[in-house]
Amino acid sequence: MANDQPAPAINKLYQLSLSVISAKLVEGSSSLFASKPDTYVTLTVDSKGKNHRKTDVVKKSWNPEWKDDYTILVEPKSKISFKVFFHHVFKTDSLSYSGTLDLLPILLQHNGDSKYCLHYNSLFKTIVH
């Protein structure tokens, strides 16, 4: 950390603004004879159901856009789990992609400045491909 900024308190809760913008899904990844999927994203902090968010379902798209903004409570050591699901009417929704973002290395890289935490365009690229 830089000398002029104190280290973040590890067990203190902070508000984090987070946006789920869009995804580029691999065509044909929902099943062998699939049409375009109905898709949504869930995000969970530290694998606890208390801090869980879910986007609306975007119908029939390989490139869904949500542009949803959330405020969540996190600790600097929190991990945020992102999961992309295909919604099905007559059966259980299927998990299509998942990934986890570890906040602490990003905070340390940017001297504790949280405005950089989720400004990584490669986040979903990493999860979806």
N, C-alpha and C. Protein backbone atom coordinates (compact mmCIF):
# COMPACT_ATOMS: atom_id res chain seq x y z
N MET A 1 0.84 -1.17 0.00
CA MET A 1 0.00 0.00 0.00
C MET A 1 0.89 1.24 0.00
N ALA A 2 0.37 2.29 -0.55
CA ALA A 2 1.12 3.55 -0.54
C ALA A 2 1.22 4.06 0.89
N ASN A 3 2.29 4.81 1.16
CA ASN A 3 2.52 5.31 2.52
C ASN A 3 1.45 6.28 2.99
N ASP A 4 0.80 6.99 2.07
CA ASP A 4 -0.18 8.01 2.46
C ASP A 4 -1.58 7.45 2.67
N GLN A 5 -1.82 6.18 2.41
CA GLN A 5 -3.14 5.60 2.59
C GLN A 5 -3.08 4.45 3.59
N PRO A 6 -4.00 4.45 4.55
CA PRO A 6 -4.01 3.34 5.52
C PRO A 6 -4.55 2.07 4.87
N ALA A 7 -4.11 0.95 5.38
CA ALA A 7 -4.61 -0.34 4.89
C ALA A 7 -6.08 -0.47 5.29
N PRO A 8 -6.92 -1.08 4.42
CA PRO A 8 -8.32 -1.25 4.77
C PRO A 8 -8.46 -2.21 5.95
N ALA A 9 -9.45 -1.93 6.80
CA ALA A 9 -9.74 -2.85 7.91
C ALA A 9 -10.33 -4.12 7.32
N ILE A 10 -9.68 -5.25 7.58
CA ILE A 10 -10.04 -6.51 6.93
C ILE A 10 -11.43 -7.00 7.29
N ASN A 11 -11.87 -6.84 8.54
CA ASN A 11 -13.17 -7.37 8.95
C ASN A 11 -14.29 -6.34 8.96
N LYS A 12 -14.03 -5.15 8.50
CA LYS A 12 -15.05 -4.11 8.46
C LYS A 12 -15.88 -4.25 7.17
N LEU A 13 -17.18 -3.98 7.27
CA LEU A 13 -18.05 -4.04 6.09
C LEU A 13 -18.04 -2.71 5.36
N TYR A 14 -17.98 -2.79 4.04
CA TYR A 14 -18.00 -1.62 3.17
C TYR A 14 -19.10 -1.81 2.13
N GLN A 15 -19.66 -0.70 1.66
CA GLN A 15 -20.62 -0.77 0.56
C GLN A 15 -19.86 -0.76 -0.75
N LEU A 16 -20.22 -1.67 -1.63
CA LEU A 16 -19.60 -1.74 -2.95
C LEU A 16 -20.69 -1.61 -3.99
N SER A 17 -20.52 -0.67 -4.90
CA SER A 17 -21.44 -0.53 -6.03
C SER A 17 -20.94 -1.42 -7.14
N LEU A 18 -21.84 -2.20 -7.70
CA LEU A 18 -21.48 -3.20 -8.69
C LEU A 18 -22.50 -3.17 -9.81
N SER A 19 -22.04 -3.30 -11.04
CA SER A 19 -22.93 -3.34 -12.20
C SER A 19 -22.74 -4.64 -12.94
N VAL A 20 -23.86 -5.28 -13.29
CA VAL A 20 -23.84 -6.43 -14.19
C VAL A 20 -24.31 -5.88 -15.52
N ILE A 21 -23.38 -5.80 -16.47
CA ILE A 21 -23.67 -5.12 -17.73
C ILE A 21 -24.18 -6.09 -18.80
N SER A 22 -23.35 -7.05 -19.19
CA SER A 22 -23.72 -7.93 -20.30
C SER A 22 -22.83 -9.17 -20.31
N ALA A 23 -23.15 -10.08 -21.22
CA ALA A 23 -22.32 -11.28 -21.41
C ALA A 23 -22.34 -11.64 -22.89
N LYS A 24 -21.30 -12.30 -23.31
CA LYS A 24 -21.24 -12.85 -24.67
C LYS A 24 -21.11 -14.35 -24.50
N LEU A 25 -22.19 -15.04 -24.78
CA LEU A 25 -22.23 -16.48 -24.57
C LEU A 25 -21.82 -17.22 -25.83
N VAL A 26 -21.30 -18.42 -25.65
CA VAL A 26 -20.90 -19.25 -26.77
C VAL A 26 -22.16 -19.85 -27.38
N GLU A 27 -22.41 -19.58 -28.66
CA GLU A 27 -23.62 -20.09 -29.30
C GLU A 27 -23.67 -21.60 -29.25
N GLY A 28 -24.86 -22.12 -28.96
CA GLY A 28 -25.05 -23.56 -28.91
C GLY A 28 -24.64 -24.16 -27.58
N SER A 29 -24.32 -23.32 -26.59
CA SER A 29 -23.83 -23.86 -25.32
C SER A 29 -24.95 -24.28 -24.37
N SER A 30 -26.20 -23.98 -24.70
CA SER A 30 -27.28 -24.35 -23.78
C SER A 30 -27.71 -25.81 -23.96
N SER A 31 -27.65 -26.36 -25.16
CA SER A 31 -27.87 -27.79 -25.41
C SER A 31 -27.66 -28.05 -26.90
N LEU A 32 -27.70 -29.30 -27.28
CA LEU A 32 -27.39 -29.69 -28.65
C LEU A 32 -28.32 -29.06 -29.68
N PHE A 33 -29.61 -29.04 -29.42
CA PHE A 33 -30.58 -28.51 -30.39
C PHE A 33 -31.20 -27.21 -29.90
N ALA A 34 -30.44 -26.40 -29.21
CA ALA A 34 -30.99 -25.24 -28.51
C ALA A 34 -31.21 -24.04 -29.42
N SER A 35 -32.25 -23.31 -29.07
CA SER A 35 -32.44 -21.99 -29.63
C SER A 35 -31.70 -21.03 -28.70
N LYS A 36 -31.85 -19.76 -28.92
CA LYS A 36 -31.19 -18.79 -28.06
C LYS A 36 -31.72 -18.92 -26.63
N PRO A 37 -30.84 -18.85 -25.64
CA PRO A 37 -31.26 -19.09 -24.25
C PRO A 37 -31.89 -17.87 -23.59
N ASP A 38 -32.69 -18.15 -22.57
CA ASP A 38 -33.19 -17.14 -21.64
C ASP A 38 -32.20 -17.16 -20.48
N THR A 39 -31.54 -16.04 -20.21
CA THR A 39 -30.38 -16.03 -19.33
C THR A 39 -30.52 -15.03 -18.18
N TYR A 40 -29.97 -15.40 -17.03
CA TYR A 40 -29.86 -14.46 -15.91
C TYR A 40 -28.57 -14.73 -15.15
N VAL A 41 -28.19 -13.77 -14.31
CA VAL A 41 -26.96 -13.86 -13.52
C VAL A 41 -27.30 -13.75 -12.04
N THR A 42 -26.62 -14.56 -11.23
CA THR A 42 -26.70 -14.39 -9.79
C THR A 42 -25.32 -13.99 -9.30
N LEU A 43 -25.28 -13.19 -8.24
CA LEU A 43 -24.02 -12.91 -7.59
C LEU A 43 -24.21 -13.07 -6.09
N THR A 44 -23.21 -13.68 -5.47
CA THR A 44 -23.26 -13.99 -4.06
C THR A 44 -21.93 -13.59 -3.44
N VAL A 45 -21.99 -12.94 -2.29
CA VAL A 45 -20.78 -12.54 -1.58
C VAL A 45 -20.43 -13.60 -0.55
N ASP A 46 -19.21 -14.09 -0.61
CA ASP A 46 -18.67 -15.05 0.36
C ASP A 46 -19.54 -16.29 0.53
N SER A 47 -20.16 -16.74 -0.53
CA SER A 47 -20.97 -17.97 -0.53
C SER A 47 -22.07 -17.96 0.53
N LYS A 48 -22.52 -16.78 0.92
CA LYS A 48 -23.59 -16.67 1.90
C LYS A 48 -24.85 -16.20 1.19
N GLY A 49 -25.95 -16.83 1.48
CA GLY A 49 -27.21 -16.47 0.84
C GLY A 49 -27.76 -15.12 1.25
N LYS A 50 -27.24 -14.56 2.36
CA LYS A 50 -27.76 -13.27 2.84
C LYS A 50 -27.46 -12.13 1.88
N ASN A 51 -26.35 -12.18 1.20
CA ASN A 51 -25.94 -11.11 0.30
C ASN A 51 -25.97 -11.63 -1.13
N HIS A 52 -27.17 -11.95 -1.60
CA HIS A 52 -27.39 -12.60 -2.88
C HIS A 52 -28.21 -11.66 -3.77
N ARG A 53 -27.83 -11.54 -5.03
CA ARG A 53 -28.57 -10.72 -5.98
C ARG A 53 -28.80 -11.53 -7.25
N LYS A 54 -29.87 -11.17 -7.98
CA LYS A 54 -30.20 -11.87 -9.22
C LYS A 54 -30.72 -10.86 -10.23
N THR A 55 -30.24 -10.96 -11.46
CA THR A 55 -30.74 -10.09 -12.53
C THR A 55 -32.09 -10.60 -13.04
N ASP A 56 -32.75 -9.81 -13.83
CA ASP A 56 -33.93 -10.28 -14.54
C ASP A 56 -33.48 -11.25 -15.64
N VAL A 57 -34.41 -12.05 -16.12
CA VAL A 57 -34.12 -12.97 -17.22
C VAL A 57 -34.17 -12.19 -18.53
N VAL A 58 -33.12 -12.34 -19.34
CA VAL A 58 -33.10 -11.77 -20.69
C VAL A 58 -33.46 -12.91 -21.64
N LYS A 59 -34.52 -12.70 -22.39
CA LYS A 59 -35.05 -13.77 -23.24
C LYS A 59 -34.34 -13.83 -24.59
N LYS A 60 -34.07 -15.05 -25.00
CA LYS A 60 -33.61 -15.40 -26.34
C LYS A 60 -32.46 -14.54 -26.85
N SER A 61 -31.31 -14.67 -26.19
CA SER A 61 -30.14 -13.90 -26.61
C SER A 61 -28.84 -14.63 -26.28
N TRP A 62 -27.91 -14.61 -27.23
CA TRP A 62 -26.55 -15.08 -26.97
C TRP A 62 -25.70 -13.95 -26.41
N ASN A 63 -26.21 -12.72 -26.47
CA ASN A 63 -25.49 -11.55 -25.96
C ASN A 63 -26.40 -10.75 -25.03
N PRO A 64 -26.81 -11.34 -23.91
CA PRO A 64 -27.75 -10.64 -23.03
C PRO A 64 -27.15 -9.39 -22.41
N GLU A 65 -28.00 -8.39 -22.24
CA GLU A 65 -27.61 -7.14 -21.57
C GLU A 65 -28.57 -6.89 -20.42
N TRP A 66 -28.00 -6.61 -19.25
CA TRP A 66 -28.81 -6.34 -18.07
C TRP A 66 -28.69 -4.89 -17.64
N LYS A 67 -27.48 -4.38 -17.56
CA LYS A 67 -27.22 -3.02 -17.09
C LYS A 67 -27.85 -2.78 -15.73
N ASP A 68 -27.69 -3.77 -14.85
CA ASP A 68 -28.25 -3.70 -13.49
C ASP A 68 -27.19 -3.22 -12.51
N ASP A 69 -27.59 -2.31 -11.63
CA ASP A 69 -26.69 -1.78 -10.61
C ASP A 69 -27.13 -2.30 -9.24
N TYR A 70 -26.14 -2.71 -8.44
CA TYR A 70 -26.39 -3.23 -7.10
C TYR A 70 -25.44 -2.57 -6.12
N THR A 71 -25.88 -2.47 -4.88
CA THR A 71 -25.00 -2.10 -3.78
C THR A 71 -24.98 -3.27 -2.83
N ILE A 72 -23.78 -3.78 -2.55
CA ILE A 72 -23.64 -4.94 -1.69
C ILE A 72 -22.65 -4.64 -0.58
N LEU A 73 -22.78 -5.35 0.53
CA LEU A 73 -21.86 -5.21 1.65
C LEU A 73 -20.75 -6.23 1.50
N VAL A 74 -19.51 -5.75 1.58
CA VAL A 74 -18.35 -6.63 1.43
C VAL A 74 -17.30 -6.27 2.47
N GLU A 75 -16.41 -7.22 2.72
CA GLU A 75 -15.19 -6.98 3.47
C GLU A 75 -14.06 -6.96 2.44
N PRO A 76 -12.92 -6.36 2.75
CA PRO A 76 -11.82 -6.40 1.78
C PRO A 76 -11.42 -7.82 1.39
N LYS A 77 -11.63 -8.78 2.27
CA LYS A 77 -11.26 -10.17 1.96
C LYS A 77 -12.40 -10.94 1.29
N SER A 78 -13.49 -10.28 0.94
CA SER A 78 -14.65 -10.94 0.34
C SER A 78 -14.33 -11.49 -1.04
N LYS A 79 -15.09 -12.52 -1.39
CA LYS A 79 -15.06 -13.10 -2.73
C LYS A 79 -16.48 -13.04 -3.27
N ILE A 80 -16.61 -12.57 -4.49
CA ILE A 80 -17.92 -12.45 -5.12
C ILE A 80 -18.04 -13.53 -6.19
N SER A 81 -19.06 -14.36 -6.06
CA SER A 81 -19.31 -15.44 -7.00
C SER A 81 -20.35 -14.99 -8.02
N PHE A 82 -20.03 -15.15 -9.30
CA PHE A 82 -20.95 -14.83 -10.39
C PHE A 82 -21.35 -16.14 -11.06
N LYS A 83 -22.64 -16.32 -11.30
CA LYS A 83 -23.12 -17.52 -11.99
C LYS A 83 -24.11 -17.10 -13.07
N VAL A 84 -23.92 -17.66 -14.25
CA VAL A 84 -24.83 -17.40 -15.37
C VAL A 84 -25.68 -18.65 -15.55
N PHE A 85 -26.99 -18.46 -15.52
CA PHE A 85 -27.94 -19.57 -15.64
C PHE A 85 -28.76 -19.43 -16.91
N PHE A 86 -29.13 -20.58 -17.48
CA PHE A 86 -30.12 -20.62 -18.54
C PHE A 86 -31.44 -20.99 -17.88
N HIS A 87 -32.45 -20.16 -18.09
CA HIS A 87 -33.78 -20.37 -17.51
C HIS A 87 -34.57 -21.34 -18.39
N HIS A 88 -35.21 -22.30 -17.75
CA HIS A 88 -36.05 -23.27 -18.46
C HIS A 88 -37.45 -23.24 -17.85
N VAL A 89 -38.46 -23.37 -18.69
CA VAL A 89 -39.84 -23.32 -18.22
C VAL A 89 -40.25 -24.63 -17.56
N PHE A 90 -39.89 -25.75 -18.16
CA PHE A 90 -40.40 -27.04 -17.69
C PHE A 90 -39.39 -27.89 -16.94
N LYS A 91 -38.22 -27.36 -16.69
CA LYS A 91 -37.23 -28.09 -15.90
C LYS A 91 -36.39 -27.10 -15.10
N THR A 92 -35.54 -27.63 -14.24
CA THR A 92 -34.70 -26.79 -13.39
C THR A 92 -33.73 -25.97 -14.24
N ASP A 93 -33.54 -24.72 -13.87
CA ASP A 93 -32.59 -23.87 -14.58
C ASP A 93 -31.20 -24.49 -14.53
N SER A 94 -30.42 -24.29 -15.59
CA SER A 94 -29.10 -24.91 -15.65
C SER A 94 -27.99 -23.88 -15.52
N LEU A 95 -26.99 -24.23 -14.71
CA LEU A 95 -25.81 -23.39 -14.54
C LEU A 95 -24.98 -23.51 -15.80
N SER A 96 -24.67 -22.38 -16.41
CA SER A 96 -23.93 -22.39 -17.66
C SER A 96 -22.48 -21.97 -17.48
N TYR A 97 -22.24 -20.95 -16.69
CA TYR A 97 -20.91 -20.43 -16.45
C TYR A 97 -20.82 -19.93 -15.02
N SER A 98 -19.63 -19.95 -14.47
CA SER A 98 -19.44 -19.38 -13.13
C SER A 98 -18.01 -18.89 -12.98
N GLY A 99 -17.84 -17.99 -12.05
CA GLY A 99 -16.52 -17.46 -11.75
C GLY A 99 -16.54 -16.73 -10.43
N THR A 100 -15.37 -16.48 -9.88
CA THR A 100 -15.26 -15.81 -8.59
C THR A 100 -14.27 -14.67 -8.70
N LEU A 101 -14.62 -13.56 -8.08
CA LEU A 101 -13.74 -12.40 -8.01
C LEU A 101 -13.29 -12.21 -6.57
N ASP A 102 -11.99 -12.26 -6.34
CA ASP A 102 -11.39 -12.06 -5.03
C ASP A 102 -11.03 -10.58 -4.91
N LEU A 103 -11.68 -9.86 -3.99
CA LEU A 103 -11.49 -8.41 -3.90
C LEU A 103 -10.13 -8.00 -3.36
N LEU A 104 -9.57 -8.73 -2.40
CA LEU A 104 -8.36 -8.28 -1.72
C LEU A 104 -7.18 -8.04 -2.67
N PRO A 105 -6.86 -8.94 -3.59
CA PRO A 105 -5.73 -8.64 -4.49
C PRO A 105 -5.95 -7.38 -5.33
N ILE A 106 -7.20 -7.13 -5.72
CA ILE A 106 -7.50 -5.93 -6.51
C ILE A 106 -7.33 -4.68 -5.65
N LEU A 107 -7.83 -4.73 -4.42
CA LEU A 107 -7.66 -3.59 -3.51
C LEU A 107 -6.19 -3.32 -3.24
N LEU A 108 -5.41 -4.37 -3.03
CA LEU A 108 -3.98 -4.20 -2.78
C LEU A 108 -3.27 -3.64 -4.02
N GLN A 109 -3.66 -4.09 -5.18
CA GLN A 109 -3.06 -3.60 -6.43
C GLN A 109 -3.33 -2.12 -6.64
N HIS A 110 -4.49 -1.66 -6.19
CA HIS A 110 -4.89 -0.26 -6.41
C HIS A 110 -4.86 0.55 -5.12
N ASN A 111 -3.99 0.16 -4.19
CA ASN A 111 -3.79 0.89 -2.94
C ASN A 111 -5.08 1.12 -2.16
N GLY A 112 -5.97 0.14 -2.17
CA GLY A 112 -7.19 0.22 -1.38
C GLY A 112 -8.30 1.05 -2.00
N ASP A 113 -8.09 1.55 -3.21
CA ASP A 113 -9.09 2.39 -3.86
C ASP A 113 -10.12 1.50 -4.53
N SER A 114 -11.31 1.41 -3.96
CA SER A 114 -12.32 0.46 -4.43
C SER A 114 -12.96 0.84 -5.75
N LYS A 115 -12.74 2.05 -6.26
CA LYS A 115 -13.37 2.41 -7.53
C LYS A 115 -12.84 1.56 -8.69
N TYR A 116 -11.73 0.88 -8.49
CA TYR A 116 -11.18 0.02 -9.53
C TYR A 116 -11.62 -1.43 -9.42
N CYS A 117 -12.25 -1.79 -8.33
CA CYS A 117 -12.49 -3.21 -8.04
C CYS A 117 -13.17 -3.96 -9.17
N LEU A 118 -14.26 -3.46 -9.65
CA LEU A 118 -15.01 -4.21 -10.65
C LEU A 118 -15.03 -3.50 -12.00
N HIS A 119 -14.00 -2.72 -12.24
CA HIS A 119 -13.92 -2.01 -13.51
C HIS A 119 -13.09 -2.80 -14.51
N TYR A 120 -13.09 -4.10 -14.35
CA TYR A 120 -12.33 -4.98 -15.23
C TYR A 120 -13.26 -5.56 -16.28
N ASN A 121 -13.08 -5.14 -17.52
CA ASN A 121 -13.92 -5.65 -18.61
C ASN A 121 -13.69 -7.13 -18.85
N SER A 122 -12.54 -7.63 -18.45
CA SER A 122 -12.23 -9.04 -18.70
C SER A 122 -12.92 -9.99 -17.73
N LEU A 123 -13.61 -9.45 -16.72
CA LEU A 123 -14.22 -10.33 -15.72
C LEU A 123 -15.16 -11.33 -16.36
N PHE A 124 -16.16 -10.86 -17.08
CA PHE A 124 -17.10 -11.78 -17.70
C PHE A 124 -16.46 -12.54 -18.84
N LYS A 125 -15.52 -11.94 -19.54
CA LYS A 125 -14.83 -12.66 -20.61
C LYS A 125 -14.17 -13.91 -20.02
N THR A 126 -13.59 -13.77 -18.87
CA THR A 126 -12.95 -14.90 -18.20
C THR A 126 -13.99 -15.94 -17.79
N ILE A 127 -15.12 -15.47 -17.29
CA ILE A 127 -16.15 -16.40 -16.80
C ILE A 127 -16.84 -17.12 -17.96
N VAL A 128 -17.15 -16.40 -19.01
CA VAL A 128 -18.01 -16.93 -20.05
C VAL A 128 -17.26 -17.83 -21.04
N HIS A 129 -16.02 -17.55 -21.35
CA HIS A 129 -15.31 -18.34 -22.36
C HIS A 129 -14.77 -19.61 -21.82
